[in-house]
Amino acid sequence: MKKLLTYRFTVDTAERRPLTAGAVNTDADVDSAISPDGRRLAFVRIITLYSSRVMWMPLGAEYRPAAQPREIGTPEPVTASPVWSNKADLFFTAGATSRMLLYRANRAGHALVNIHIQTSGGLALHRKNGRLLYTSGQ
C-alpha cells in the first residue's frame, strides 16, 4: 500500500505536487493546514495505528517546502486536527483515542499549552472572530 502524503493542488491547472515526503517507518501524512500567511504547513504524521505526531514546516515560494518538517512534541501518543489561528498559533488535539485534549503551540512550534478541554473530534476555527469549534461528550 502506498503512503498517504500531503499534496498541493492548483485548481486552475490541475497541477499536483507533493508537499510532504513521508518518513521512514511512518504510515501517512494527513490533516494538513496552511497558516493564514501561507508560510507554514502543519500536518499529522501517523506512525502506527495508535501513534501520531503533529509536524510543521516552513513553506517558500509557491508553497514549496523550505526545510524538513519538525515535530511539535506532546506528552500524548496520538495527535489530530491542526488548525491555525489568525495570530499564527496552532491548535490541535492530542491524547489517547478515548480522551483527546486541546493544545496550542506558537508559530515556531514551541510554548505548548494544554488548554484543559476534552474533545472527541475535529476542530474548526472561524478566522474573523477567532472562535474555535470542537466536539465533546461533556
N, C-alpha and C. Protein backbone atom coordinates (compact mmCIF):
# COMPACT_ATOMS: atom_id res chain seq x y z
N MET A 1 0.83 -1.18 0.00
CA MET A 1 0.00 0.00 0.00
C MET A 1 0.88 1.25 0.00
N LYS A 2 0.51 2.25 -0.80
CA LYS A 2 1.27 3.49 -0.85
C LYS A 2 1.04 4.32 0.40
N LYS A 3 2.05 5.11 0.77
CA LYS A 3 1.89 6.04 1.88
C LYS A 3 0.96 7.17 1.47
N LEU A 4 0.21 7.68 2.43
CA LEU A 4 -0.59 8.87 2.20
C LEU A 4 0.29 10.09 2.46
N LEU A 5 0.32 11.01 1.51
CA LEU A 5 1.12 12.23 1.63
C LEU A 5 0.22 13.44 1.49
N THR A 6 0.74 14.60 1.84
CA THR A 6 0.03 15.86 1.63
C THR A 6 0.48 16.44 0.30
N TYR A 7 -0.49 16.84 -0.51
CA TYR A 7 -0.22 17.39 -1.84
C TYR A 7 -0.74 18.82 -1.96
N ARG A 8 -0.09 19.59 -2.82
CA ARG A 8 -0.60 20.89 -3.23
C ARG A 8 -1.25 20.68 -4.58
N PHE A 9 -2.48 21.16 -4.73
CA PHE A 9 -3.21 21.01 -5.98
C PHE A 9 -3.62 22.40 -6.46
N THR A 10 -3.30 22.73 -7.70
CA THR A 10 -3.69 24.01 -8.28
C THR A 10 -4.95 23.78 -9.10
N VAL A 11 -6.05 24.39 -8.69
CA VAL A 11 -7.35 24.16 -9.32
C VAL A 11 -7.35 24.57 -10.78
N ASP A 12 -6.76 25.72 -11.11
CA ASP A 12 -6.79 26.23 -12.49
C ASP A 12 -6.04 25.34 -13.48
N THR A 13 -4.93 24.76 -13.05
CA THR A 13 -4.09 23.99 -13.98
C THR A 13 -4.11 22.49 -13.72
N ALA A 14 -4.72 22.07 -12.63
CA ALA A 14 -4.75 20.67 -12.21
C ALA A 14 -3.36 20.13 -11.90
N GLU A 15 -2.41 21.02 -11.65
CA GLU A 15 -1.06 20.59 -11.25
C GLU A 15 -1.12 20.05 -9.82
N ARG A 16 -0.47 18.92 -9.61
CA ARG A 16 -0.42 18.27 -8.30
C ARG A 16 1.03 18.04 -7.93
N ARG A 17 1.41 18.49 -6.75
CA ARG A 17 2.80 18.34 -6.31
C ARG A 17 2.81 17.95 -4.82
N PRO A 18 3.58 16.92 -4.44
CA PRO A 18 3.63 16.55 -3.02
C PRO A 18 4.34 17.63 -2.20
N LEU A 19 3.78 17.90 -1.02
CA LEU A 19 4.41 18.81 -0.07
C LEU A 19 5.19 18.05 0.99
N THR A 20 4.72 16.86 1.32
CA THR A 20 5.44 16.03 2.29
C THR A 20 5.93 14.77 1.57
N ALA A 21 6.98 14.20 2.11
CA ALA A 21 7.56 13.00 1.50
C ALA A 21 7.40 11.78 2.39
N GLY A 22 6.76 11.96 3.53
CA GLY A 22 6.68 10.85 4.47
C GLY A 22 8.04 10.62 5.10
N ALA A 23 8.11 9.74 6.02
CA ALA A 23 9.37 9.43 6.68
C ALA A 23 9.47 7.92 6.80
N VAL A 24 10.67 7.44 7.00
CA VAL A 24 10.88 6.01 7.17
C VAL A 24 10.07 5.54 8.38
N ASN A 25 9.46 4.40 8.28
CA ASN A 25 8.68 3.79 9.36
C ASN A 25 7.46 4.61 9.77
N THR A 26 6.85 5.33 8.83
CA THR A 26 5.60 6.02 9.10
C THR A 26 4.57 5.58 8.08
N ASP A 27 3.30 5.76 8.42
CA ASP A 27 2.22 5.31 7.55
C ASP A 27 1.66 6.42 6.66
N ALA A 28 1.56 7.65 7.19
CA ALA A 28 0.86 8.68 6.42
C ALA A 28 1.14 10.07 6.96
N ASP A 29 0.98 11.07 6.09
CA ASP A 29 0.97 12.50 6.46
C ASP A 29 -0.42 13.00 6.09
N VAL A 30 -1.23 13.37 7.09
CA VAL A 30 -2.63 13.72 6.89
C VAL A 30 -3.00 14.98 7.66
N ASP A 31 -4.26 15.40 7.56
CA ASP A 31 -4.82 16.54 8.32
C ASP A 31 -4.00 17.81 8.13
N SER A 32 -3.75 18.21 6.92
CA SER A 32 -2.90 19.36 6.63
C SER A 32 -3.62 20.68 6.86
N ALA A 33 -2.86 21.69 7.27
CA ALA A 33 -3.39 23.05 7.46
C ALA A 33 -2.28 24.05 7.12
N ILE A 34 -2.59 24.99 6.22
CA ILE A 34 -1.63 26.04 5.87
C ILE A 34 -1.93 27.26 6.73
N SER A 35 -0.89 27.88 7.28
CA SER A 35 -1.06 29.05 8.13
C SER A 35 -1.69 30.19 7.32
N PRO A 36 -2.36 31.15 7.98
CA PRO A 36 -3.01 32.25 7.27
C PRO A 36 -2.07 33.05 6.38
N ASP A 37 -0.80 33.17 6.75
CA ASP A 37 0.15 33.92 5.92
C ASP A 37 0.77 33.06 4.81
N GLY A 38 0.42 31.75 4.77
CA GLY A 38 0.90 30.86 3.73
C GLY A 38 2.35 30.45 3.88
N ARG A 39 2.96 30.71 5.04
CA ARG A 39 4.39 30.43 5.22
C ARG A 39 4.69 29.17 6.01
N ARG A 40 3.64 28.50 6.54
CA ARG A 40 3.87 27.28 7.32
C ARG A 40 2.78 26.25 7.02
N LEU A 41 3.18 25.00 7.05
CA LEU A 41 2.26 23.89 6.88
C LEU A 41 2.31 23.06 8.15
N ALA A 42 1.15 22.75 8.71
CA ALA A 42 1.05 21.81 9.83
C ALA A 42 0.34 20.57 9.31
N PHE A 43 0.72 19.42 9.81
CA PHE A 43 0.06 18.18 9.43
C PHE A 43 0.31 17.14 10.50
N VAL A 44 -0.42 16.05 10.41
CA VAL A 44 -0.26 14.94 11.35
C VAL A 44 0.47 13.81 10.64
N ARG A 45 1.55 13.36 11.23
CA ARG A 45 2.30 12.22 10.71
C ARG A 45 1.90 10.99 11.52
N ILE A 46 1.29 10.02 10.85
CA ILE A 46 0.85 8.80 11.52
C ILE A 46 2.01 7.81 11.53
N ILE A 47 2.39 7.40 12.73
CA ILE A 47 3.49 6.45 12.91
C ILE A 47 2.94 5.03 12.90
N THR A 48 1.95 4.77 13.74
CA THR A 48 1.25 3.49 13.79
C THR A 48 -0.22 3.80 14.04
N LEU A 49 -1.05 2.77 14.17
CA LEU A 49 -2.47 2.96 14.41
C LEU A 49 -2.73 3.79 15.66
N TYR A 50 -1.90 3.65 16.69
CA TYR A 50 -2.11 4.36 17.95
C TYR A 50 -0.99 5.34 18.28
N SER A 51 -0.33 5.86 17.27
CA SER A 51 0.75 6.82 17.50
C SER A 51 0.84 7.79 16.32
N SER A 52 0.75 9.08 16.61
CA SER A 52 0.88 10.10 15.57
C SER A 52 1.48 11.36 16.19
N ARG A 53 2.01 12.22 15.34
CA ARG A 53 2.68 13.45 15.79
C ARG A 53 2.25 14.62 14.93
N VAL A 54 2.04 15.77 15.56
CA VAL A 54 1.81 16.99 14.78
C VAL A 54 3.17 17.50 14.34
N MET A 55 3.27 17.80 13.06
CA MET A 55 4.50 18.30 12.46
C MET A 55 4.22 19.68 11.86
N TRP A 56 5.28 20.46 11.69
CA TRP A 56 5.13 21.71 10.95
C TRP A 56 6.41 21.95 10.16
N MET A 57 6.27 22.66 9.06
CA MET A 57 7.44 23.01 8.27
C MET A 57 7.20 24.35 7.57
N PRO A 58 8.27 25.10 7.39
CA PRO A 58 8.15 26.38 6.67
C PRO A 58 7.97 26.13 5.18
N LEU A 59 7.22 27.02 4.54
CA LEU A 59 7.00 26.95 3.11
C LEU A 59 7.63 28.16 2.43
N GLY A 60 8.17 27.94 1.25
CA GLY A 60 8.75 29.02 0.46
C GLY A 60 7.81 29.41 -0.67
N ALA A 61 8.38 29.95 -1.72
CA ALA A 61 7.61 30.40 -2.88
C ALA A 61 6.79 29.24 -3.45
N GLU A 62 5.58 29.53 -3.89
CA GLU A 62 4.68 28.54 -4.48
C GLU A 62 4.43 27.36 -3.54
N TYR A 63 4.48 27.61 -2.27
CA TYR A 63 4.22 26.58 -1.24
C TYR A 63 5.19 25.41 -1.31
N ARG A 64 6.38 25.65 -1.74
CA ARG A 64 7.40 24.59 -1.74
C ARG A 64 8.00 24.48 -0.34
N PRO A 65 8.27 23.25 0.11
CA PRO A 65 8.90 23.10 1.43
C PRO A 65 10.24 23.85 1.49
N ALA A 66 10.42 24.64 2.55
CA ALA A 66 11.65 25.41 2.72
C ALA A 66 12.62 24.74 3.69
N ALA A 67 12.17 23.71 4.38
CA ALA A 67 13.02 22.96 5.33
C ALA A 67 12.30 21.65 5.65
N GLN A 68 12.99 20.77 6.34
CA GLN A 68 12.40 19.50 6.75
C GLN A 68 11.33 19.74 7.83
N PRO A 69 10.31 18.91 7.87
CA PRO A 69 9.29 19.04 8.93
C PRO A 69 9.91 18.84 10.31
N ARG A 70 9.33 19.55 11.28
CA ARG A 70 9.74 19.40 12.68
C ARG A 70 8.54 18.99 13.51
N GLU A 71 8.80 18.14 14.47
CA GLU A 71 7.73 17.66 15.35
C GLU A 71 7.42 18.69 16.43
N ILE A 72 6.14 18.84 16.72
CA ILE A 72 5.72 19.61 17.90
C ILE A 72 5.48 18.58 18.98
N GLY A 73 6.39 18.48 19.91
CA GLY A 73 6.34 17.43 20.93
C GLY A 73 5.17 17.59 21.88
N THR A 74 4.51 16.49 22.17
CA THR A 74 3.45 16.46 23.17
C THR A 74 3.69 15.25 24.07
N PRO A 75 3.12 15.29 25.27
CA PRO A 75 3.24 14.11 26.14
C PRO A 75 2.23 13.03 25.78
N GLU A 76 1.44 13.25 24.74
CA GLU A 76 0.36 12.35 24.38
C GLU A 76 0.75 11.47 23.18
N PRO A 77 0.18 10.24 23.08
CA PRO A 77 0.57 9.33 21.99
C PRO A 77 -0.07 9.61 20.63
N VAL A 78 -1.25 10.26 20.62
CA VAL A 78 -2.00 10.47 19.38
C VAL A 78 -2.29 11.96 19.23
N THR A 79 -2.12 12.50 18.01
CA THR A 79 -2.43 13.90 17.74
C THR A 79 -3.33 13.98 16.51
N ALA A 80 -4.10 15.07 16.40
CA ALA A 80 -5.02 15.21 15.27
C ALA A 80 -5.47 16.65 15.11
N SER A 81 -6.06 16.94 13.97
CA SER A 81 -6.85 18.14 13.69
C SER A 81 -6.14 19.48 13.87
N PRO A 82 -4.98 19.71 13.28
CA PRO A 82 -4.35 21.02 13.44
C PRO A 82 -5.11 22.12 12.69
N VAL A 83 -5.28 23.27 13.34
CA VAL A 83 -5.85 24.47 12.72
C VAL A 83 -5.05 25.68 13.19
N TRP A 84 -4.85 26.66 12.31
CA TRP A 84 -4.09 27.87 12.61
C TRP A 84 -5.05 29.00 13.00
N SER A 85 -4.66 29.78 13.99
CA SER A 85 -5.41 30.99 14.31
C SER A 85 -4.86 32.14 13.47
N ASN A 86 -5.56 33.28 13.49
CA ASN A 86 -5.08 34.47 12.77
C ASN A 86 -3.76 34.98 13.34
N LYS A 87 -3.49 34.69 14.60
CA LYS A 87 -2.25 35.13 15.25
C LYS A 87 -1.13 34.12 15.05
N ALA A 88 -1.36 33.12 14.21
CA ALA A 88 -0.39 32.10 13.84
C ALA A 88 -0.09 31.12 14.97
N ASP A 89 -0.98 31.03 15.95
CA ASP A 89 -0.90 29.94 16.91
C ASP A 89 -1.51 28.71 16.26
N LEU A 90 -1.03 27.55 16.63
CA LEU A 90 -1.54 26.30 16.09
C LEU A 90 -2.30 25.57 17.18
N PHE A 91 -3.56 25.26 16.92
CA PHE A 91 -4.37 24.47 17.84
C PHE A 91 -4.47 23.06 17.28
N PHE A 92 -4.47 22.06 18.16
CA PHE A 92 -4.63 20.67 17.75
C PHE A 92 -5.07 19.85 18.95
N THR A 93 -5.50 18.63 18.68
CA THR A 93 -5.88 17.74 19.77
C THR A 93 -4.79 16.68 19.96
N ALA A 94 -4.67 16.22 21.19
CA ALA A 94 -3.69 15.18 21.50
C ALA A 94 -4.17 14.40 22.71
N GLY A 95 -3.85 13.12 22.73
CA GLY A 95 -4.22 12.29 23.87
C GLY A 95 -4.32 10.84 23.47
N ALA A 96 -5.04 10.09 24.27
CA ALA A 96 -5.40 8.72 23.90
C ALA A 96 -6.67 8.83 23.07
N THR A 97 -6.93 7.85 22.24
CA THR A 97 -8.07 7.97 21.32
C THR A 97 -9.40 8.19 22.03
N SER A 98 -9.53 7.78 23.28
CA SER A 98 -10.77 7.98 24.02
C SER A 98 -10.76 9.26 24.86
N ARG A 99 -9.62 9.98 24.90
CA ARG A 99 -9.52 11.17 25.75
C ARG A 99 -8.56 12.17 25.10
N MET A 100 -9.07 12.90 24.13
CA MET A 100 -8.24 13.89 23.43
C MET A 100 -8.37 15.23 24.13
N LEU A 101 -7.25 15.95 24.26
CA LEU A 101 -7.22 17.27 24.88
C LEU A 101 -6.84 18.31 23.84
N LEU A 102 -7.25 19.55 24.08
CA LEU A 102 -6.93 20.65 23.18
C LEU A 102 -5.60 21.28 23.59
N TYR A 103 -4.72 21.48 22.61
CA TYR A 103 -3.41 22.11 22.84
C TYR A 103 -3.23 23.30 21.91
N ARG A 104 -2.33 24.21 22.32
CA ARG A 104 -1.95 25.35 21.49
C ARG A 104 -0.42 25.46 21.50
N ALA A 105 0.16 25.69 20.32
CA ALA A 105 1.60 25.94 20.18
C ALA A 105 1.77 27.25 19.42
N ASN A 106 2.85 27.97 19.68
CA ASN A 106 3.07 29.23 18.96
C ASN A 106 3.60 28.97 17.56
N ARG A 107 3.82 30.03 16.79
CA ARG A 107 4.18 29.90 15.37
C ARG A 107 5.48 29.15 15.14
N ALA A 108 6.34 29.07 16.11
CA ALA A 108 7.60 28.34 15.96
C ALA A 108 7.49 26.89 16.44
N GLY A 109 6.29 26.50 16.86
CA GLY A 109 6.11 25.13 17.34
C GLY A 109 6.55 24.94 18.77
N HIS A 110 6.67 26.04 19.51
CA HIS A 110 7.10 25.98 20.91
C HIS A 110 5.97 26.47 21.81
N ALA A 111 6.25 26.60 23.07
CA ALA A 111 5.30 27.11 24.06
C ALA A 111 3.99 26.33 24.03
N LEU A 112 4.11 25.03 24.11
CA LEU A 112 2.94 24.15 24.09
C LEU A 112 2.10 24.38 25.34
N VAL A 113 0.81 24.59 25.14
CA VAL A 113 -0.10 24.84 26.25
C VAL A 113 -1.27 23.87 26.17
N ASN A 114 -1.52 23.14 27.25
CA ASN A 114 -2.70 22.29 27.35
C ASN A 114 -3.84 23.19 27.81
N ILE A 115 -4.89 23.31 27.01
CA ILE A 115 -6.00 24.20 27.31
C ILE A 115 -7.02 23.55 28.24
N HIS A 116 -6.85 22.30 28.58
CA HIS A 116 -7.69 21.56 29.53
C HIS A 116 -9.15 21.47 29.09
N ILE A 117 -9.35 21.24 27.80
CA ILE A 117 -10.67 20.96 27.26
C ILE A 117 -10.60 19.59 26.61
N GLN A 118 -11.50 18.70 27.01
CA GLN A 118 -11.53 17.37 26.41
C GLN A 118 -12.37 17.41 25.15
N THR A 119 -11.83 16.85 24.06
CA THR A 119 -12.53 16.85 22.78
C THR A 119 -12.76 15.42 22.31
N SER A 120 -13.66 15.29 21.35
CA SER A 120 -13.96 13.97 20.79
C SER A 120 -13.87 13.96 19.28
N GLY A 121 -13.44 15.05 18.69
CA GLY A 121 -13.43 15.08 17.23
C GLY A 121 -12.59 16.21 16.70
N GLY A 122 -12.84 16.55 15.45
CA GLY A 122 -12.05 17.57 14.76
C GLY A 122 -12.30 18.97 15.28
N LEU A 123 -11.47 19.88 14.80
CA LEU A 123 -11.55 21.29 15.18
C LEU A 123 -11.88 22.13 13.96
N ALA A 124 -12.53 23.26 14.20
CA ALA A 124 -12.77 24.25 13.15
C ALA A 124 -12.61 25.62 13.79
N LEU A 125 -12.01 26.56 13.06
CA LEU A 125 -11.75 27.89 13.59
C LEU A 125 -12.32 28.93 12.64
N HIS A 126 -13.10 29.87 13.19
CA HIS A 126 -13.61 30.99 12.41
C HIS A 126 -12.51 32.05 12.36
N ARG A 127 -11.97 32.32 11.19
CA ARG A 127 -10.82 33.21 11.07
C ARG A 127 -11.10 34.65 11.47
N LYS A 128 -12.32 35.14 11.27
CA LYS A 128 -12.60 36.55 11.58
C LYS A 128 -12.79 36.79 13.07
N ASN A 129 -13.54 35.92 13.74
CA ASN A 129 -13.81 36.19 15.15
C ASN A 129 -13.00 35.33 16.11
N GLY A 130 -12.21 34.38 15.59
CA GLY A 130 -11.34 33.58 16.44
C GLY A 130 -12.04 32.52 17.26
N ARG A 131 -13.30 32.24 16.99
CA ARG A 131 -14.00 31.22 17.74
C ARG A 131 -13.62 29.83 17.23
N LEU A 132 -13.32 28.96 18.19
CA LEU A 132 -12.92 27.59 17.90
C LEU A 132 -14.08 26.67 18.18
N LEU A 133 -14.39 25.78 17.24
CA LEU A 133 -15.44 24.79 17.43
C LEU A 133 -14.79 23.43 17.65
N TYR A 134 -15.36 22.64 18.55
CA TYR A 134 -14.85 21.31 18.80
C TYR A 134 -16.01 20.41 19.23
N THR A 135 -15.81 19.12 19.17
CA THR A 135 -16.82 18.15 19.59
C THR A 135 -16.40 17.57 20.93
N SER A 136 -17.36 17.43 21.84
CA SER A 136 -17.06 16.86 23.14
C SER A 136 -18.30 16.16 23.69
N GLY A 137 -18.08 15.13 24.48
CA GLY A 137 -19.18 14.43 25.14
C GLY A 137 -19.50 15.02 26.50
N GLN A 138 -18.82 16.09 26.86
CA GLN A 138 -19.03 16.68 28.20
C GLN A 138 -20.01 17.82 28.14
